[in-house]
C-alpha atoms as a PDB file:
ATOM      1  CA  MET A   1      44.627  97.287  53.749  1.00  0.00           C
ATOM      2  CA  THR A   2      45.710  94.527  51.403  1.00  0.00           C
ATOM      3  CA  ARG A   3      44.837  91.088  52.668  1.00  0.00           C
ATOM      4  CA  GLU A   4      47.233  88.171  52.930  1.00  0.00           C
ATOM      5  CA  ALA A   5      46.758  85.387  50.365  1.00  0.00           C
ATOM      6  CA  ALA A   6      46.575  81.884  51.781  1.00  0.00           C
ATOM      7  CA  LEU A   7      49.257  79.461  50.561  1.00  0.00           C
ATOM      8  CA  ARG A   8      48.228  75.882  49.814  1.00  0.00           C
ATOM      9  CA  GLY A   9      49.276  72.968  47.675  1.00  0.00           C
ATOM     10  CA  GLU A  10      49.973  69.269  47.761  1.00  0.00           C
ATOM     11  CA  THR A  11      53.268  69.411  45.861  1.00  0.00           C
ATOM     12  CA  GLY A  12      54.300  72.966  46.728  1.00  0.00           C
ATOM     13  CA  LEU A  13      52.759  76.141  48.046  1.00  0.00           C
ATOM     14  CA  VAL A  14      50.896  78.523  45.731  1.00  0.00           C
ATOM     15  CA  PRO A  15      48.866  81.633  46.577  1.00  0.00           C
ATOM     16  CA  GLN A  16      45.109  81.237  46.653  1.00  0.00           C
ATOM     17  CA  GLY A  17      43.777  84.421  45.059  1.00  0.00           C
ATOM     18  CA  ASP A  18      45.075  87.961  45.275  1.00  0.00           C
ATOM     19  CA  GLY A  19      46.947  89.457  48.209  1.00  0.00           C
ATOM     20  CA  TRP A  20      50.411  89.624  49.621  1.00  0.00           C
ATOM     21  CA  PHE A  21      52.315  86.519  50.674  1.00  0.00           C
ATOM     22  CA  VAL A  22      55.721  85.225  51.720  1.00  0.00           C
ATOM     23  CA  VAL A  23      56.943  81.859  50.455  1.00  0.00           C
ATOM     24  CA  ASN A  24      60.348  80.201  50.516  1.00  0.00           C
ATOM     25  CA  LEU A  25      61.634  79.002  47.148  1.00  0.00           C
ATOM     26  CA  ARG A  26      62.137  75.485  48.564  1.00  0.00           C
ATOM     27  CA  GLU A  27      58.478  75.330  49.679  1.00  0.00           C
ATOM     28  CA  ALA A  28      56.910  76.833  46.537  1.00  0.00           C
ATOM     29  CA  ARG A  29      55.418  74.755  43.714  1.00  0.00           C
ATOM     30  CA  TRP A  30      57.918  73.635  41.065  1.00  0.00           C
ATOM     31  CA  LYS A  31      57.232  72.219  37.618  1.00  0.00           C
ATOM     32  CA  GLU A  32      59.521  70.149  35.420  1.00  0.00           C
ATOM     33  CA  ASN A  33      59.446  69.776  31.696  1.00  0.00           C
ATOM     34  CA  PRO A  34      61.808  67.059  30.427  1.00  0.00           C
ATOM     35  CA  ARG A  35      62.772  69.283  27.502  1.00  0.00           C
ATOM     36  CA  PHE A  36      62.901  72.708  29.183  1.00  0.00           C
ATOM     37  CA  GLY A  37      64.038  72.157  32.790  1.00  0.00           C
ATOM     38  CA  LYS A  38      62.515  72.988  36.156  1.00  0.00           C
ATOM     39  CA  SER A  39      60.820  76.238  37.130  1.00  0.00           C
ATOM     40  CA  CYS A  40      58.995  77.961  39.947  1.00  0.00           C
ATOM     41  CA  ALA A  41      56.602  80.745  38.911  1.00  0.00           C
ATOM     42  CA  PHE A  42      55.272  81.664  42.403  1.00  0.00           C
ATOM     43  CA  GLU A  43      51.779  82.156  40.920  1.00  0.00           C
ATOM     44  CA  GLY A  44      48.586  80.258  41.557  1.00  0.00           C
ATOM     45  CA  ASP A  45      45.635  80.164  39.179  1.00  0.00           C
ATOM     46  CA  ALA A  46      45.672  83.961  39.019  1.00  0.00           C
ATOM     47  CA  ARG A  47      48.674  85.419  37.166  1.00  0.00           C
ATOM     48  CA  PHE A  48      50.463  88.436  38.598  1.00  0.00           C
ATOM     49  CA  PRO A  49      48.944  91.379  36.700  1.00  0.00           C
ATOM     50  CA  HIS A  50      52.014  93.578  36.156  1.00  0.00           C
ATOM     51  CA  PHE A  51      54.978  91.257  35.658  1.00  0.00           C
ATOM     52  CA  GLY A  52      55.909  87.597  35.591  1.00  0.00           C
ATOM     53  CA  LEU A  53      58.606  86.240  37.864  1.00  0.00           C
ATOM     54  CA  ASN A  54      60.140  82.796  37.980  1.00  0.00           C
ATOM     55  CA  VAL A  55      63.288  80.882  38.814  1.00  0.00           C
ATOM     56  CA  HIS A  56      64.365  78.427  36.131  1.00  0.00           C
ATOM     57  CA  VAL A  57      66.907  75.627  36.663  1.00  0.00           C
ATOM     58  CA  LEU A  58      68.586  74.185  33.576  1.00  0.00           C
ATOM     59  CA  GLU A  59      70.807  71.162  33.216  1.00  0.00           C
ATOM     60  CA  ALA A  60      73.807  71.123  30.869  1.00  0.00           C
ATOM     61  CA  ARG A  61      72.878  72.248  27.329  1.00  0.00           C
ATOM     62  CA  GLN A  62      69.139  72.256  28.184  1.00  0.00           C
ATOM     63  CA  PRO A  63      67.103  75.141  26.720  1.00  0.00           C
ATOM     64  CA  ALA A  64      64.683  77.081  28.922  1.00  0.00           C
ATOM     65  CA  CYS A  65      62.101  77.485  26.136  1.00  0.00           C
ATOM     66  CA  MET A  66      61.913  78.162  22.415  1.00  0.00           C
ATOM     67  CA  TYR A  67      63.815  81.105  20.895  1.00  0.00           C
ATOM     68  CA  HIS A  68      61.393  84.032  20.829  1.00  0.00           C
ATOM     69  CA  ARG A  69      60.753  87.734  21.187  1.00  0.00           C
ATOM     70  CA  GLU A  70      58.039  89.414  23.225  1.00  0.00           C
ATOM     71  CA  SER A  71      56.455  92.845  23.018  1.00  0.00           C
ATOM     72  CA  MET A  72      57.511  93.521  26.600  1.00  0.00           C
ATOM     73  CA  GLN A  73      60.721  94.101  28.533  1.00  0.00           C
ATOM     74  CA  GLU A  74      62.338  91.061  30.157  1.00  0.00           C
ATOM     75  CA  ASP A  75      65.315  90.815  32.482  1.00  0.00           C
ATOM     76  CA  PHE A  76      67.325  87.793  33.614  1.00  0.00           C
ATOM     77  CA  LEU A  77      69.833  87.304  36.451  1.00  0.00           C
ATOM     78  CA  VAL A  78      72.028  84.202  36.637  1.00  0.00           C
ATOM     79  CA  LEU A  79      71.798  83.122  40.293  1.00  0.00           C
ATOM     80  CA  ALA A  80      74.062  80.063  40.190  1.00  0.00           C
ATOM     81  CA  GLY A  81      76.123  78.110  37.700  1.00  0.00           C
ATOM     82  CA  SER A  82      76.747  79.075  34.103  1.00  0.00           C
ATOM     83  CA  CYS A  83      74.674  79.151  30.953  1.00  0.00           C
ATOM     84  CA  ARG A  84      74.537  80.783  27.575  1.00  0.00           C
ATOM     85  CA  VAL A  85      72.094  83.173  26.026  1.00  0.00           C
ATOM     86  CA  ILE A  86      71.299  83.069  22.336  1.00  0.00           C
ATOM     87  CA  ILE A  87      70.359  86.694  21.709  1.00  0.00           C
ATOM     88  CA  GLU A  88      69.694  88.274  18.324  1.00  0.00           C
ATOM     89  CA  GLY A  89      71.317  85.256  16.674  1.00  0.00           C
ATOM     90  CA  ARG A  90      74.525  85.406  18.734  1.00  0.00           C
ATOM     91  CA  GLU A  91      75.682  83.121  21.531  1.00  0.00           C
ATOM     92  CA  ARG A  92      77.106  84.653  24.702  1.00  0.00           C
ATOM     93  CA  ALA A  93      78.459  82.774  27.758  1.00  0.00           C
ATOM     94  CA  LEU A  94      77.042  83.837  31.140  1.00  0.00           C
ATOM     95  CA  LYS A  95      78.156  83.193  34.712  1.00  0.00           C
ATOM     96  CA  GLN A  96      76.753  83.764  38.191  1.00  0.00           C
ATOM     97  CA  TRP A  97      75.501  87.342  38.753  1.00  0.00           C
ATOM     98  CA  ASP A  98      75.411  88.235  35.039  1.00  0.00           C
ATOM     99  CA  LEU A  99      72.297  90.227  34.100  1.00  0.00           C
ATOM    100  CA  VAL A 100      70.713  90.111  30.644  1.00  0.00           C
ATOM    101  CA  HIS A 101      68.357  92.968  29.785  1.00  0.00           C
ATOM    102  CA  CYS A 102      66.004  92.442  26.832  1.00  0.00           C
ATOM    103  CA  PRO A 103      64.088  95.489  25.631  1.00  0.00           C
ATOM    104  CA  PRO A 104      60.789  94.687  23.891  1.00  0.00           C
ATOM    105  CA  ASP A 105      61.179  92.636  20.692  1.00  0.00           C
ATOM    106  CA  THR A 106      64.627  91.200  21.517  1.00  0.00           C
ATOM    107  CA  ASN A 107      65.058  87.644  20.208  1.00  0.00           C
ATOM    108  CA  HIS A 108      66.470  85.349  22.902  1.00  0.00           C
ATOM    109  CA  VAL A 109      66.631  81.981  24.668  1.00  0.00           C
ATOM    110  CA  PHE A 110      68.732  80.621  27.546  1.00  0.00           C
ATOM    111  CA  VAL A 111      70.545  77.288  27.425  1.00  0.00           C
ATOM    112  CA  GLY A 112      72.280  75.532  30.323  1.00  0.00           C
ATOM    113  CA  GLY A 113      76.087  75.663  30.344  1.00  0.00           C
ATOM    114  CA  ASP A 114      78.246  72.647  29.641  1.00  0.00           C
ATOM    115  CA  ASP A 115      78.683  71.806  33.336  1.00  0.00           C
ATOM    116  CA  GLY A 116      75.042  72.304  34.603  1.00  0.00           C
ATOM    117  CA  PRO A 117      72.961  72.974  36.563  1.00  0.00           C
ATOM    118  CA  CYS A 118      72.251  76.691  36.284  1.00  0.00           C
ATOM    119  CA  ALA A 119      69.611  78.811  38.047  1.00  0.00           C
ATOM    120  CA  ILE A 120      68.208  81.971  36.451  1.00  0.00           C
ATOM    121  CA  LEU A 121      65.811  84.561  37.878  1.00  0.00           C
ATOM    122  CA  MET A 122      63.478  85.611  35.042  1.00  0.00           C
ATOM    123  CA  ILE A 123      61.309  88.737  35.175  1.00  0.00           C
ATOM    124  CA  GLY A 124      59.065  90.105  32.445  1.00  0.00           C
ATOM    125  CA  SER A 125      56.561  92.928  32.278  1.00  0.00           C
ATOM    126  CA  ARG A 126      52.945  92.203  31.380  1.00  0.00           C
ATOM    127  CA  HIS A 127      50.544  94.444  29.516  1.00  0.00           C
ATOM    128  CA  GLU A 128      47.925  94.153  26.814  1.00  0.00           C
ATOM    129  CA  PRO A 129      48.171  93.479  23.994  1.00  0.00           C
ATOM    130  CA  GLU A 130      50.796  90.824  24.607  1.00  0.00           C
ATOM    131  CA  ALA A 131      52.573  89.649  21.458  1.00  0.00           C
ATOM    132  CA  ILE A 132      55.142  86.888  20.981  1.00  0.00           C
ATOM    133  CA  VAL A 133      56.933  85.622  17.878  1.00  0.00           C
ATOM    134  CA  TYR A 134      59.093  82.503  17.469  1.00  0.00           C
ATOM    135  CA  PRO A 135      61.570  83.323  14.660  1.00  0.00           C
ATOM    136  CA  VAL A 136      63.810  80.842  12.867  1.00  0.00           C
ATOM    137  CA  ASP A 137      67.398  80.961  14.160  1.00  0.00           C
ATOM    138  CA  PRO A 138      70.123  78.431  13.277  1.00  0.00           C
ATOM    139  CA  VAL A 139      72.066  78.972  16.529  1.00  0.00           C
ATOM    140  CA  ALA A 140      68.961  78.282  18.647  1.00  0.00           C
ATOM    141  CA  GLN A 141      68.180  75.246  16.482  1.00  0.00           C
ATOM    142  CA  GLN A 142      71.594  73.751  17.390  1.00  0.00           C
ATOM    143  CA  PHE A 143      70.353  73.544  21.003  1.00  0.00           C
ATOM    144  CA  GLY A 144      66.857  72.236  20.222  1.00  0.00           C
ATOM    145  CA  ALA A 145      65.408  75.673  21.005  1.00  0.00           C
ATOM    146  CA  GLY A 146      64.489  76.884  17.533  1.00  0.00           C
ATOM    147  CA  VAL A 147      61.453  76.522  15.298  1.00  0.00           C
ATOM    148  CA  ASP A 148      61.673  75.424  11.659  1.00  0.00           C
ATOM    149  CA  GLU A 149      59.168  78.040  10.507  1.00  0.00           C
ATOM    150  CA  GLU A 150      58.408  81.422  12.116  1.00  0.00           C
ATOM    151  CA  THR A 151      55.152  81.527  14.066  1.00  0.00           C
ATOM    152  CA  PRO A 152      53.315  83.781  16.542  1.00  0.00           C
ATOM    153  CA  ASP A 153      51.473  80.748  17.926  1.00  0.00           C
ATOM    154  CA  PRO A 154      52.952  79.105  21.057  1.00  0.00           C
ATOM    155  CA  ARG A 155      50.938  75.941  20.327  1.00  0.00           C
ATOM    156  CA  VAL A 156      52.789  75.583  17.035  1.00  0.00           C
ATOM    157  CA  ALA A 157      56.201  76.464  18.507  1.00  0.00           C
ATOM    158  CA  TYR A 158      55.795  73.928  21.336  1.00  0.00           C
ATOM    159  CA  ALA A 159      54.008  71.192  19.366  1.00  0.00           C
ATOM    160  CA  GLY A 160      55.201  67.788  20.542  1.00  0.00           C
ATOM    161  CA  THR A 161      56.594  69.122  23.830  1.00  0.00           C
ATOM    162  CA  PRO A 162      55.738  66.788  26.712  1.00  0.00           C
ATOM    163  CA  PRO A 163      53.612  68.225  29.536  1.00  0.00           C
ATOM    164  CA  SER A 164      55.191  69.583  32.718  1.00  0.00           C
ATOM    165  CA  THR A 165      54.763  67.765  36.024  1.00  0.00           C
ATOM    166  CA  ASP A 166      55.037  68.851  39.649  1.00  0.00           C
ATOM    167  CA  VAL A 167      58.437  68.144  41.235  1.00  0.00           C
ATOM    168  CA  ALA A 168      60.327  68.923  44.407  1.00  0.00           C
ATOM    169  CA  CYS A 169      62.496  72.022  44.509  1.00  0.00           C
ATOM    170  CA  PRO A 170      65.877  71.311  42.871  1.00  0.00           C
ATOM    171  CA  TRP A 171      67.554  74.097  44.862  1.00  0.00           C
ATOM    172  CA  PRO A 172      70.221  72.700  47.226  1.00  0.00           C
ATOM    173  CA  ALA A 173      69.259  72.581  50.906  1.00  0.00           C
END
């Protein structure tokens, strides 16, 4: 039998080690980055081995991260509000319940809509070797989500980004 993982945390609940668990999004640990919004990854110190899962909340015109492509499949479901995806150099408007499927090596980034906030469920597979590239894209650069020079190094792509801090869940009660 698989054991249940204990949930603990001062600013939000996170699993302590491996095992199954149930946690409400409002009670889970949230992080905020002033540049890239608020997110809840549901993971503790140990990452989920097979796929990553998070909910990301973006304010108006706020990017979720830097424009990039990964060597793994990723899928995104807009839970609330509206946003845009910059995908393969093109901008597309999204609304609640829109799904974006990114096969491996699809360039993309999400940016909050003009009316904010927006909530997106983000899911990505994980396997070794994991590869990521941050390509130059003028559309992503317009939203502060693009690098000036292509790099495979996240430290270079995110240089100068302020650290994330723990915050309360932004999801409405």
